Amino acid sequence: MAHHLTRIKVRGYHLDLYSHVNNARYLEFLEEARWTYFEDRADLPAFLASGIALVVVNINIDYRHAATMGDELEILTSVKSVGNRSAVIHQRVTLAGSGRLVAEADVTFVAYDSKQGRAVQIEGELATLLSGLQQADATA
């Protein structure tokens, strides 16, 4: 299975005073790509009904090249690692057509149980899902 691809076209409202994508917009682009990743690769409604949420606790982004209005961005999303209490999703943003690296991010999240009101260990079906995604992404 290939890494998951999400395409986003840069619009005027994504830009800052310097006419390139504002750094904060990348957080939204990356979130959109993570949502579509899980919609396409997992039973998202069942997962959401379980009461467990994947809550972002850390994002590290390296900005490499400015994107401007009209650019089409491709965001590759994959599960990088799965631990006992957290996991990391790696995301790579490139310019469509050229493959030029625009930004790269590692997003760390925990499993949050809304019934208990706290982060919980990644286990059971969630651990199986994330480990399976990681293995599939690693062989892509």
Protein backbone atom coordinates (compact mmCIF):
# COMPACT_ATOMS: atom_id res chain seq x y z
CA MET A 1 0.00 0.00 0.00
CA ALA A 2 1.39 3.41 -0.92
CA HIS A 3 1.69 6.32 1.46
CA HIS A 4 -1.55 8.23 1.65
CA LEU A 5 -1.75 11.29 -0.62
CA THR A 6 -3.89 14.38 -0.04
CA ARG A 7 -3.92 17.28 -2.52
CA ILE A 8 -4.62 20.87 -1.49
CA LYS A 9 -4.71 23.87 -3.82
CA VAL A 10 -3.33 27.07 -2.32
CA ARG A 11 -5.97 29.81 -2.26
CA GLY A 12 -5.67 33.53 -1.64
CA TYR A 13 -6.98 33.26 1.91
CA HIS A 14 -4.08 30.90 2.78
CA LEU A 15 -1.53 33.67 2.16
CA ASP A 16 0.12 36.15 4.48
CA LEU A 17 1.42 39.67 3.80
CA TYR A 18 4.40 38.21 1.92
CA SER A 19 2.10 36.40 -0.57
CA HIS A 20 3.10 32.92 0.53
CA VAL A 21 1.29 30.36 2.66
CA ASN A 22 1.26 31.47 6.28
CA ASN A 23 3.07 29.05 8.58
CA ALA A 24 -0.05 28.49 10.70
CA ARG A 25 -2.01 27.33 7.62
CA TYR A 26 0.26 24.32 7.33
CA LEU A 27 -1.22 23.05 10.61
CA GLU A 28 -4.64 23.07 8.92
CA PHE A 29 -3.30 21.41 5.76
CA LEU A 30 -1.63 18.69 7.82
CA GLU A 31 -4.77 18.13 9.88
CA GLU A 32 -6.89 17.81 6.72
CA ALA A 33 -4.45 15.20 5.43
CA ARG A 34 -4.54 13.24 8.71
CA TRP A 35 -8.36 13.18 8.67
CA THR A 36 -8.49 11.91 5.10
CA TYR A 37 -5.76 9.37 5.92
CA PHE A 38 -7.89 7.83 8.68
CA GLU A 39 -11.11 8.14 6.65
CA ASP A 40 -9.49 6.19 3.82
CA ARG A 41 -7.50 3.66 5.87
CA ALA A 42 -9.70 2.97 8.91
CA ASP A 43 -13.33 2.72 9.96
CA LEU A 44 -13.42 6.30 11.24
CA PRO A 45 -17.09 6.33 12.38
CA ALA A 46 -16.57 3.18 14.46
CA PHE A 47 -13.34 4.56 15.88
CA LEU A 48 -14.99 7.86 16.84
CA ALA A 49 -17.90 5.98 18.45
CA SER A 50 -15.43 4.08 20.67
CA GLY A 51 -14.81 7.20 22.76
CA ILE A 52 -11.08 7.15 22.03
CA ALA A 53 -9.62 10.21 20.31
CA LEU A 54 -6.17 10.71 18.86
CA VAL A 55 -5.04 13.95 20.48
CA VAL A 56 -2.02 15.83 19.15
CA VAL A 57 0.51 16.61 21.88
CA ASN A 58 3.46 17.80 19.77
CA ILE A 59 4.13 18.97 16.21
CA ASN A 60 7.57 19.60 14.76
CA ILE A 61 7.53 21.28 11.35
CA ASP A 62 10.46 22.12 9.12
CA TYR A 63 9.61 24.69 6.44
CA ARG A 64 11.74 24.28 3.32
CA HIS A 65 10.18 26.24 0.44
CA ALA A 66 7.46 28.88 0.13
CA ALA A 67 4.17 27.89 -1.47
CA THR A 68 2.15 30.60 -3.24
CA MET A 69 -1.33 31.11 -4.64
CA GLY A 70 -2.30 28.58 -7.25
CA ASP A 71 0.27 25.97 -6.18
CA GLU A 72 -1.04 22.48 -5.72
CA LEU A 73 0.41 20.78 -2.66
CA GLU A 74 0.69 17.05 -2.17
CA ILE A 75 0.78 15.80 1.40
CA LEU A 76 2.08 12.29 2.02
CA THR A 77 0.96 10.90 5.37
CA SER A 78 2.23 7.78 7.09
CA VAL A 79 2.50 6.25 10.57
CA LYS A 80 6.15 6.58 11.55
CA SER A 81 6.17 4.87 14.95
CA VAL A 82 3.83 3.38 17.53
CA GLY A 83 4.71 3.23 21.21
CA ASN A 84 2.86 2.19 24.36
CA ARG A 85 1.44 5.63 25.11
CA SER A 86 2.01 7.68 21.95
CA ALA A 87 2.51 7.38 18.21
CA VAL A 88 4.03 9.58 15.52
CA ILE A 89 2.65 10.41 12.09
CA HIS A 90 5.11 11.71 9.50
CA GLN A 91 3.85 14.15 6.87
CA ARG A 92 5.69 15.47 3.85
CA VAL A 93 4.37 18.43 1.83
CA THR A 94 5.65 18.82 -1.74
CA LEU A 95 4.78 20.90 -4.79
CA ALA A 96 2.75 18.78 -7.20
CA GLY A 97 4.59 18.13 -10.42
CA SER A 98 8.06 19.06 -9.24
CA GLY A 99 8.19 17.08 -6.00
CA ARG A 100 9.99 20.00 -4.37
CA LEU A 101 9.87 19.71 -0.58
CA VAL A 102 7.79 22.50 0.96
CA ALA A 103 7.51 21.28 4.55
CA GLU A 104 7.94 18.18 6.64
CA ALA A 105 6.34 17.40 10.00
CA ASP A 106 6.31 14.80 12.73
CA VAL A 107 3.05 14.82 14.65
CA THR A 108 2.98 13.04 18.02
CA PHE A 109 -0.37 12.02 19.46
CA VAL A 110 -1.80 10.06 22.36
CA ALA A 111 -4.95 8.00 22.69
CA TYR A 112 -7.37 9.98 24.84
CA ASP A 113 -10.29 8.19 26.50
CA SER A 114 -13.17 10.66 26.83
CA LYS A 115 -14.91 8.45 29.42
CA GLN A 116 -11.86 8.39 31.69
CA GLY A 117 -10.83 11.96 30.85
CA ARG A 118 -7.19 11.04 30.31
CA ALA A 119 -4.63 9.61 27.94
CA VAL A 120 -4.55 5.81 27.92
CA GLN A 121 -2.23 3.11 26.68
CA ILE A 122 -2.38 2.31 22.97
CA GLU A 123 -3.64 -1.26 22.99
CA GLY A 124 -6.19 -3.64 21.52
CA GLU A 125 -7.84 -2.71 18.22
CA LEU A 126 -6.16 0.70 18.15
CA ALA A 127 -2.68 -0.81 18.54
CA THR A 128 -3.48 -3.36 15.83
CA LEU A 129 -4.76 -0.64 13.50
CA LEU A 130 -1.79 1.70 13.99
CA SER A 131 0.80 -1.09 13.77
CA GLY A 132 -0.85 -2.37 10.59
CA LEU A 133 -0.81 1.11 9.08
CA GLN A 134 2.83 1.55 10.05
CA GLN A 135 3.80 -1.75 8.43
CA ALA A 136 1.82 -0.96 5.27
CA ASP A 137 3.35 2.53 5.04
CA ALA A 138 6.88 1.20 5.63
CA THR A 139 6.62 -1.19 2.70
CA ALA A 140 5.31 1.51 0.36
